[in-house]
PDB file of all heavy atoms in Angstrom:
ATOM      1  N   MET A   1       3.078   5.709   0.529  1.00  0.00           N
ATOM      2  CA  MET A   1       4.188   5.931  -0.398  1.00  0.00           C
ATOM      3  C   MET A   1       4.042   5.036  -1.628  1.00  0.00           C
ATOM      4  O   MET A   1       4.198   5.491  -2.772  1.00  0.00           O
ATOM      5  CB  MET A   1       5.519   5.669   0.309  1.00  0.00           C
ATOM      6  CG  MET A   1       5.835   6.659   1.414  1.00  0.00           C
ATOM      7  SD  MET A   1       7.171   6.126   2.507  1.00  0.00           S
ATOM      8  CE  MET A   1       8.577   6.308   1.419  1.00  0.00           C
ATOM      9  N   ALA A   2       3.736   3.768  -1.401  1.00  0.00           N
ATOM     10  CA  ALA A   2       3.542   2.837  -2.517  1.00  0.00           C
ATOM     11  C   ALA A   2       2.360   3.256  -3.378  1.00  0.00           C
ATOM     12  O   ALA A   2       2.378   3.133  -4.608  1.00  0.00           O
ATOM     13  CB  ALA A   2       3.341   1.421  -1.974  1.00  0.00           C
ATOM     14  N   ASP A   3       1.325   3.761  -2.722  1.00  0.00           N
ATOM     15  CA  ASP A   3       0.130   4.284  -3.390  1.00  0.00           C
ATOM     16  C   ASP A   3       0.522   5.354  -4.410  1.00  0.00           C
ATOM     17  O   ASP A   3       0.100   5.331  -5.586  1.00  0.00           O
ATOM     18  CB  ASP A   3      -0.778   4.833  -2.289  1.00  0.00           C
ATOM     19  CG  ASP A   3      -2.031   5.553  -2.746  1.00  0.00           C
ATOM     20  OD1 ASP A   3      -2.018   6.185  -3.800  1.00  0.00           O
ATOM     21  OD2 ASP A   3      -3.028   5.505  -1.993  1.00  0.00           O
ATOM     22  N   ALA A   4       1.347   6.316  -3.994  1.00  0.00           N
ATOM     23  CA  ALA A   4       1.752   7.405  -4.897  1.00  0.00           C
ATOM     24  C   ALA A   4       2.559   6.888  -6.073  1.00  0.00           C
ATOM     25  O   ALA A   4       2.429   7.396  -7.202  1.00  0.00           O
ATOM     26  CB  ALA A   4       2.564   8.445  -4.126  1.00  0.00           C
ATOM     27  N   ILE A   5       3.388   5.884  -5.850  1.00  0.00           N
ATOM     28  CA  ILE A   5       4.190   5.323  -6.940  1.00  0.00           C
ATOM     29  C   ILE A   5       3.279   4.759  -8.032  1.00  0.00           C
ATOM     30  O   ILE A   5       3.512   4.959  -9.229  1.00  0.00           O
ATOM     31  CB  ILE A   5       5.150   4.247  -6.390  1.00  0.00           C
ATOM     32  CG1 ILE A   5       6.250   4.917  -5.558  1.00  0.00           C
ATOM     33  CG2 ILE A   5       5.763   3.414  -7.517  1.00  0.00           C
ATOM     34  CD1 ILE A   5       7.069   3.949  -4.727  1.00  0.00           C
ATOM     35  N   SER A   6       2.221   4.061  -7.626  1.00  0.00           N
ATOM     36  CA  SER A   6       1.277   3.531  -8.607  1.00  0.00           C
ATOM     37  C   SER A   6       0.541   4.648  -9.326  1.00  0.00           C
ATOM     38  O   SER A   6       0.398   4.641 -10.554  1.00  0.00           O
ATOM     39  CB  SER A   6       0.262   2.605  -7.922  1.00  0.00           C
ATOM     40  OG  SER A   6       0.859   1.408  -7.487  1.00  0.00           O
ATOM     41  N   ARG A   7       0.046   5.622  -8.573  1.00  0.00           N
ATOM     42  CA  ARG A   7      -0.737   6.703  -9.181  1.00  0.00           C
ATOM     43  C   ARG A   7       0.073   7.479 -10.219  1.00  0.00           C
ATOM     44  O   ARG A   7      -0.417   7.779 -11.311  1.00  0.00           O
ATOM     45  CB  ARG A   7      -1.190   7.691  -8.104  1.00  0.00           C
ATOM     46  CG  ARG A   7      -2.268   7.216  -7.170  1.00  0.00           C
ATOM     47  CD  ARG A   7      -2.692   8.410  -6.342  1.00  0.00           C
ATOM     48  NE  ARG A   7      -3.426   8.046  -5.157  1.00  0.00           N
ATOM     49  CZ  ARG A   7      -4.588   8.592  -4.811  1.00  0.00           C
ATOM     50  NH1 ARG A   7      -5.149   9.490  -5.601  1.00  0.00           N
ATOM     51  NH2 ARG A   7      -5.193   8.253  -3.701  1.00  0.00           N
ATOM     52  N   LEU A   8       1.308   7.839  -9.832  1.00  0.00           N
ATOM     53  CA  LEU A   8       2.073   8.758 -10.668  1.00  0.00           C
ATOM     54  C   LEU A   8       2.715   8.073 -11.871  1.00  0.00           C
ATOM     55  O   LEU A   8       3.385   8.736 -12.665  1.00  0.00           O
ATOM     56  CB  LEU A   8       3.125   9.468  -9.826  1.00  0.00           C
ATOM     57  CG  LEU A   8       2.532  10.399  -8.755  1.00  0.00           C
ATOM     58  CD1 LEU A   8       3.633  11.019  -7.916  1.00  0.00           C
ATOM     59  CD2 LEU A   8       1.678  11.498  -9.400  1.00  0.00           C
ATOM     60  N   SER A   9       2.512   6.777 -12.009  1.00  0.00           N
ATOM     61  CA  SER A   9       2.937   6.084 -13.230  1.00  0.00           C
ATOM     62  C   SER A   9       1.729   5.616 -14.027  1.00  0.00           C
ATOM     63  O   SER A   9       1.872   4.853 -14.971  1.00  0.00           O
ATOM     64  CB  SER A   9       3.802   4.866 -12.859  1.00  0.00           C
ATOM     65  OG  SER A   9       3.022   3.900 -12.172  1.00  0.00           O
ATOM     66  N   SER A  10       0.535   6.092 -13.638  1.00  0.00           N
ATOM     67  CA  SER A  10      -0.718   5.618 -14.256  1.00  0.00           C
ATOM     68  C   SER A  10      -0.832   4.102 -14.166  1.00  0.00           C
ATOM     69  O   SER A  10      -1.367   3.447 -15.054  1.00  0.00           O
ATOM     70  CB  SER A  10      -0.818   6.080 -15.719  1.00  0.00           C
ATOM     71  OG  SER A  10      -0.778   7.488 -15.815  1.00  0.00           O
ATOM     72  N   GLY A  11      -0.314   3.546 -13.088  1.00  0.00           N
ATOM     73  CA  GLY A  11      -0.389   2.108 -12.873  1.00  0.00           C
ATOM     74  C   GLY A  11       0.632   1.300 -13.641  1.00  0.00           C
ATOM     75  O   GLY A  11       0.617   0.068 -13.578  1.00  0.00           O
ATOM     76  N   ARG A  12       1.537   1.956 -14.359  1.00  0.00           N
ATOM     77  CA  ARG A  12       2.581   1.210 -15.096  1.00  0.00           C
ATOM     78  C   ARG A  12       3.611   0.627 -14.138  1.00  0.00           C
ATOM     79  O   ARG A  12       4.163  -0.437 -14.399  1.00  0.00           O
ATOM     80  CB  ARG A  12       3.276   2.112 -16.106  1.00  0.00           C
ATOM     81  CG  ARG A  12       2.621   2.205 -17.492  1.00  0.00           C
ATOM     82  CD  ARG A  12       1.220   2.744 -17.452  1.00  0.00           C
ATOM     83  NE  ARG A  12       0.712   3.054 -18.796  1.00  0.00           N
ATOM     84  CZ  ARG A  12      -0.503   3.531 -19.023  1.00  0.00           C
ATOM     85  NH1 ARG A  12      -1.330   3.737 -18.022  1.00  0.00           N
ATOM     86  NH2 ARG A  12      -0.895   3.796 -20.255  1.00  0.00           N
ATOM     87  N   ARG A  13       3.915   1.335 -13.059  1.00  0.00           N
ATOM     88  CA  ARG A  13       4.771   0.813 -12.000  1.00  0.00           C
ATOM     89  C   ARG A  13       3.875   0.540 -10.796  1.00  0.00           C
ATOM     90  O   ARG A  13       3.158   1.436 -10.351  1.00  0.00           O
ATOM     91  CB  ARG A  13       5.850   1.824 -11.612  1.00  0.00           C
ATOM     92  CG  ARG A  13       6.901   2.072 -12.667  1.00  0.00           C
ATOM     93  CD  ARG A  13       7.850   3.181 -12.211  1.00  0.00           C
ATOM     94  NE  ARG A  13       8.556   2.845 -10.980  1.00  0.00           N
ATOM     95  CZ  ARG A  13       9.233   3.728 -10.252  1.00  0.00           C
ATOM     96  NH1 ARG A  13       9.272   5.012 -10.615  1.00  0.00           N
ATOM     97  NH2 ARG A  13       9.874   3.347  -9.151  1.00  0.00           N
ATOM     98  N   ILE A  14       3.917  -0.652 -10.285  1.00  0.00           N
ATOM     99  CA  ILE A  14       3.051  -1.012  -9.177  1.00  0.00           C
ATOM    100  C   ILE A  14       3.772  -0.788  -7.849  1.00  0.00           C
ATOM    101  O   ILE A  14       4.864  -1.315  -7.613  1.00  0.00           O
ATOM    102  CB  ILE A  14       2.593  -2.484  -9.290  1.00  0.00           C
ATOM    103  CG1 ILE A  14       1.806  -2.699 -10.586  1.00  0.00           C
ATOM    104  CG2 ILE A  14       1.769  -2.890  -8.071  1.00  0.00           C
ATOM    105  CD1 ILE A  14       0.526  -1.908 -10.689  1.00  0.00           C
ATOM    106  N   GLY A  15       3.152   0.010  -6.984  1.00  0.00           N
ATOM    107  CA  GLY A  15       3.687   0.185  -5.642  1.00  0.00           C
ATOM    108  C   GLY A  15       3.498  -1.081  -4.829  1.00  0.00           C
ATOM    109  O   GLY A  15       2.469  -1.758  -4.934  1.00  0.00           O
ATOM    110  N   VAL A  16       4.502  -1.409  -4.012  1.00  0.00           N
ATOM    111  CA  VAL A  16       4.493  -2.648  -3.236  1.00  0.00           C
ATOM    112  C   VAL A  16       4.781  -2.324  -1.770  1.00  0.00           C
ATOM    113  O   VAL A  16       5.673  -1.518  -1.469  1.00  0.00           O
ATOM    114  CB  VAL A  16       5.548  -3.649  -3.762  1.00  0.00           C
ATOM    115  CG1 VAL A  16       5.465  -4.959  -2.981  1.00  0.00           C
ATOM    116  CG2 VAL A  16       5.371  -3.896  -5.254  1.00  0.00           C
ATOM    117  N   PHE A  17       4.035  -2.967  -0.874  1.00  0.00           N
ATOM    118  CA  PHE A  17       4.292  -2.803   0.559  1.00  0.00           C
ATOM    119  C   PHE A  17       4.297  -4.166   1.224  1.00  0.00           C
ATOM    120  O   PHE A  17       3.451  -5.016   0.962  1.00  0.00           O
ATOM    121  CB  PHE A  17       3.233  -1.925   1.217  1.00  0.00           C
ATOM    122  CG  PHE A  17       3.514  -1.678   2.684  1.00  0.00           C
ATOM    123  CD1 PHE A  17       4.449  -0.733   3.052  1.00  0.00           C
ATOM    124  CD2 PHE A  17       2.877  -2.414   3.659  1.00  0.00           C
ATOM    125  CE1 PHE A  17       4.745  -0.519   4.386  1.00  0.00           C
ATOM    126  CE2 PHE A  17       3.158  -2.203   5.000  1.00  0.00           C
ATOM    127  CZ  PHE A  17       4.104  -1.255   5.368  1.00  0.00           C
ATOM    128  N   ALA A  18       5.278  -4.377   2.122  1.00  0.00           N
ATOM    129  CA  ALA A  18       5.414  -5.640   2.852  1.00  0.00           C
ATOM    130  C   ALA A  18       5.513  -5.352   4.347  1.00  0.00           C
ATOM    131  O   ALA A  18       6.195  -4.415   4.765  1.00  0.00           O
ATOM    132  CB  ALA A  18       6.657  -6.399   2.380  1.00  0.00           C
ATOM    133  N   MET A  19       4.834  -6.181   5.158  1.00  0.00           N
ATOM    134  CA  MET A  19       4.826  -5.952   6.602  1.00  0.00           C
ATOM    135  C   MET A  19       4.788  -7.276   7.355  1.00  0.00           C
ATOM    136  O   MET A  19       4.539  -8.335   6.773  1.00  0.00           O
ATOM    137  CB  MET A  19       3.654  -5.068   7.019  1.00  0.00           C
ATOM    138  CG  MET A  19       2.274  -5.645   6.791  1.00  0.00           C
ATOM    139  SD  MET A  19       1.778  -5.675   5.043  1.00  0.00           S
ATOM    140  CE  MET A  19      -0.016  -5.573   5.223  1.00  0.00           C
ATOM    141  N   GLN A  20       5.013  -7.188   8.653  1.00  0.00           N
ATOM    142  CA  GLN A  20       5.052  -8.385   9.483  1.00  0.00           C
ATOM    143  C   GLN A  20       3.643  -8.904   9.749  1.00  0.00           C
ATOM    144  O   GLN A  20       2.655  -8.196   9.555  1.00  0.00           O
ATOM    145  CB  GLN A  20       5.760  -8.094  10.799  1.00  0.00           C
ATOM    146  CG  GLN A  20       5.025  -7.108  11.710  1.00  0.00           C
ATOM    147  CD  GLN A  20       5.699  -6.944  13.048  1.00  0.00           C
ATOM    148  OE1 GLN A  20       6.061  -7.916  13.694  1.00  0.00           O
ATOM    149  NE2 GLN A  20       5.868  -5.702  13.479  1.00  0.00           N
ATOM    150  N   LEU A  21       3.578 -10.127  10.209  1.00  0.00           N
ATOM    151  CA  LEU A  21       2.291 -10.720  10.545  1.00  0.00           C
ATOM    152  C   LEU A  21       1.749 -10.095  11.829  1.00  0.00           C
ATOM    153  O   LEU A  21       2.450  -9.375  12.547  1.00  0.00           O
ATOM    154  CB  LEU A  21       2.405 -12.241  10.697  1.00  0.00           C
ATOM    155  CG  LEU A  21       3.407 -12.822  11.706  1.00  0.00           C
ATOM    156  CD1 LEU A  21       2.897 -12.784  13.131  1.00  0.00           C
ATOM    157  CD2 LEU A  21       3.763 -14.255  11.316  1.00  0.00           C
ATOM    158  N   GLY A  22       0.496 -10.340  12.117  1.00  0.00           N
ATOM    159  CA  GLY A  22      -0.107  -9.858  13.349  1.00  0.00           C
ATOM    160  C   GLY A  22      -0.239  -8.353  13.395  1.00  0.00           C
ATOM    161  O   GLY A  22      -0.901  -7.759  12.538  1.00  0.00           O
ATOM    162  N   PRO A  23       0.392  -7.677  14.360  1.00  0.00           N
ATOM    163  CA  PRO A  23       0.170  -6.243  14.545  1.00  0.00           C
ATOM    164  C   PRO A  23       0.556  -5.394  13.343  1.00  0.00           C
ATOM    165  O   PRO A  23      -0.081  -4.380  13.067  1.00  0.00           O
ATOM    166  CB  PRO A  23       1.032  -5.901  15.768  1.00  0.00           C
ATOM    167  CG  PRO A  23       1.995  -7.028  15.904  1.00  0.00           C
ATOM    168  CD  PRO A  23       1.282  -8.233  15.388  1.00  0.00           C
ATOM    169  N   GLY A  24       1.614  -5.768  12.627  1.00  0.00           N
ATOM    170  CA  GLY A  24       1.995  -4.995  11.446  1.00  0.00           C
ATOM    171  C   GLY A  24       0.914  -5.007  10.394  1.00  0.00           C
ATOM    172  O   GLY A  24       0.628  -3.991   9.744  1.00  0.00           O
ATOM    173  N   THR A  25       0.286  -6.162  10.225  1.00  0.00           N
ATOM    174  CA  THR A  25      -0.806  -6.273   9.256  1.00  0.00           C
ATOM    175  C   THR A  25      -2.037  -5.531   9.754  1.00  0.00           C
ATOM    176  O   THR A  25      -2.706  -4.826   8.986  1.00  0.00           O
ATOM    177  CB  THR A  25      -1.126  -7.762   9.007  1.00  0.00           C
ATOM    178  OG1 THR A  25       0.071  -8.427   8.606  1.00  0.00           O
ATOM    179  CG2 THR A  25      -2.148  -7.922   7.913  1.00  0.00           C
ATOM    180  N   GLU A  26      -2.310  -5.648  11.029  1.00  0.00           N
ATOM    181  CA  GLU A  26      -3.458  -4.934  11.604  1.00  0.00           C
ATOM    182  C   GLU A  26      -3.292  -3.425  11.447  1.00  0.00           C
ATOM    183  O   GLU A  26      -4.245  -2.715  11.112  1.00  0.00           O
ATOM    184  CB  GLU A  26      -3.600  -5.308  13.073  1.00  0.00           C
ATOM    185  CG  GLU A  26      -3.962  -6.772  13.308  1.00  0.00           C
ATOM    186  CD  GLU A  26      -3.683  -7.224  14.729  1.00  0.00           C
ATOM    187  OE1 GLU A  26      -3.667  -6.357  15.631  1.00  0.00           O
ATOM    188  OE2 GLU A  26      -3.479  -8.433  14.944  1.00  0.00           O
ATOM    189  N   ASN A  27      -2.071  -2.922  11.697  1.00  0.00           N
ATOM    190  CA  ASN A  27      -1.816  -1.481  11.576  1.00  0.00           C
ATOM    191  C   ASN A  27      -1.957  -0.979  10.147  1.00  0.00           C
ATOM    192  O   ASN A  27      -2.092   0.224   9.918  1.00  0.00           O
ATOM    193  CB  ASN A  27      -0.401  -1.159  12.064  1.00  0.00           C
ATOM    194  CG  ASN A  27      -0.261  -1.243  13.559  1.00  0.00           C
ATOM    195  OD1 ASN A  27      -1.247  -1.254  14.281  1.00  0.00           O
ATOM    196  ND2 ASN A  27       0.972  -1.311  14.034  1.00  0.00           N
ATOM    197  N   SER A  28      -1.911  -1.880   9.186  1.00  0.00           N
ATOM    198  CA  SER A  28      -1.939  -1.499   7.775  1.00  0.00           C
ATOM    199  C   SER A  28      -3.340  -1.278   7.237  1.00  0.00           C
ATOM    200  O   SER A  28      -3.505  -0.782   6.115  1.00  0.00           O
ATOM    201  CB  SER A  28      -1.252  -2.583   6.935  1.00  0.00           C
ATOM    202  OG  SER A  28       0.074  -2.793   7.350  1.00  0.00           O
ATOM    203  N   TYR A  29      -4.329  -1.649   8.009  1.00  0.00           N
ATOM    204  CA  TYR A  29      -5.697  -1.679   7.488  1.00  0.00           C
ATOM    205  C   TYR A  29      -6.146  -0.332   6.911  1.00  0.00           C
ATOM    206  O   TYR A  29      -6.687  -0.266   5.813  1.00  0.00           O
ATOM    207  CB  TYR A  29      -6.659  -2.115   8.603  1.00  0.00           C
ATOM    208  CG  TYR A  29      -8.028  -2.517   8.103  1.00  0.00           C
ATOM    209  CD1 TYR A  29      -8.336  -3.845   7.864  1.00  0.00           C
ATOM    210  CD2 TYR A  29      -9.014  -1.569   7.872  1.00  0.00           C
ATOM    211  CE1 TYR A  29      -9.585  -4.230   7.411  1.00  0.00           C
ATOM    212  CE2 TYR A  29     -10.267  -1.927   7.421  1.00  0.00           C
ATOM    213  CZ  TYR A  29     -10.558  -3.260   7.187  1.00  0.00           C
ATOM    214  OH  TYR A  29     -11.802  -3.626   6.721  1.00  0.00           O
ATOM    215  N   GLY A  30      -5.883   0.764   7.651  1.00  0.00           N
ATOM    216  CA  GLY A  30      -6.343   2.075   7.196  1.00  0.00           C
ATOM    217  C   GLY A  30      -5.735   2.497   5.872  1.00  0.00           C
ATOM    218  O   GLY A  30      -6.423   3.066   5.013  1.00  0.00           O
ATOM    219  N   GLY A  31      -4.446   2.226   5.677  1.00  0.00           N
ATOM    220  CA  GLY A  31      -3.789   2.601   4.421  1.00  0.00           C
ATOM    221  C   GLY A  31      -4.325   1.818   3.248  1.00  0.00           C
ATOM    222  O   GLY A  31      -4.507   2.358   2.143  1.00  0.00           O
ATOM    223  N   ILE A  32      -4.591   0.529   3.463  1.00  0.00           N
ATOM    224  CA  ILE A  32      -5.138  -0.306   2.386  1.00  0.00           C
ATOM    225  C   ILE A  32      -6.559   0.135   2.074  1.00  0.00           C
ATOM    226  O   ILE A  32      -6.958   0.227   0.900  1.00  0.00           O
ATOM    227  CB  ILE A  32      -5.083  -1.794   2.783  1.00  0.00           C
ATOM    228  CG1 ILE A  32      -3.629  -2.226   2.993  1.00  0.00           C
ATOM    229  CG2 ILE A  32      -5.736  -2.667   1.712  1.00  0.00           C
ATOM    230  CD1 ILE A  32      -3.480  -3.594   3.652  1.00  0.00           C
ATOM    231  N   ALA A  33      -7.344   0.429   3.110  1.00  0.00           N
ATOM    232  CA  ALA A  33      -8.712   0.905   2.904  1.00  0.00           C
ATOM    233  C   ALA A  33      -8.723   2.215   2.121  1.00  0.00           C
ATOM    234  O   ALA A  33      -9.585   2.434   1.259  1.00  0.00           O
ATOM    235  CB  ALA A  33      -9.412   1.086   4.247  1.00  0.00           C
ATOM    236  N   GLN A  34      -7.760   3.097   2.397  1.00  0.00           N
ATOM    237  CA  GLN A  34      -7.675   4.357   1.657  1.00  0.00           C
ATOM    238  C   GLN A  34      -7.400   4.090   0.181  1.00  0.00           C
ATOM    239  O   GLN A  34      -8.045   4.664  -0.695  1.00  0.00           O
ATOM    240  CB  GLN A  34      -6.570   5.233   2.239  1.00  0.00           C
ATOM    241  CG  GLN A  34      -6.404   6.574   1.555  1.00  0.00           C
ATOM    242  CD  GLN A  34      -7.447   7.581   1.990  1.00  0.00           C
ATOM    243  OE1 GLN A  34      -7.588   7.862   3.180  1.00  0.00           O
ATOM    244  NE2 GLN A  34      -8.174   8.143   1.046  1.00  0.00           N
ATOM    245  N   ALA A  35      -6.439   3.222  -0.107  1.00  0.00           N
ATOM    246  CA  ALA A  35      -6.125   2.893  -1.496  1.00  0.00           C
ATOM    247  C   ALA A  35      -7.324   2.250  -2.189  1.00  0.00           C
ATOM    248  O   ALA A  35      -7.584   2.496  -3.373  1.00  0.00           O
ATOM    249  CB  ALA A  35      -4.913   1.962  -1.560  1.00  0.00           C
ATOM    250  N   TYR A  36      -8.072   1.434  -1.468  1.00  0.00           N
ATOM    251  CA  TYR A  36      -9.262   0.809  -2.040  1.00  0.00           C
ATOM    252  C   TYR A  36     -10.309   1.859  -2.400  1.00  0.00           C
ATOM    253  O   TYR A  36     -10.905   1.816  -3.489  1.00  0.00           O
ATOM    254  CB  TYR A  36      -9.849  -0.195  -1.048  1.00  0.00           C
ATOM    255  CG  TYR A  36     -11.070  -0.918  -1.555  1.00  0.00           C
ATOM    256  CD1 TYR A  36     -10.964  -1.900  -2.538  1.00  0.00           C
ATOM    257  CD2 TYR A  36     -12.331  -0.628  -1.050  1.00  0.00           C
ATOM    258  CE1 TYR A  36     -12.087  -2.563  -3.008  1.00  0.00           C
ATOM    259  CE2 TYR A  36     -13.459  -1.277  -1.508  1.00  0.00           C
ATOM    260  CZ  TYR A  36     -13.339  -2.257  -2.491  1.00  0.00           C
ATOM    261  OH  TYR A  36     -14.457  -2.903  -2.955  1.00  0.00           O
TER     262      TYR A  36
END
């Protein structure tokens, strides 16, 4: 969702995502890799 916010503003609005330490961060890996 944050990814789309950045894309559709041509990077003028930065999408932001926040998550818990440990498993929440581990679960986030695929989404961050996709954005990369």
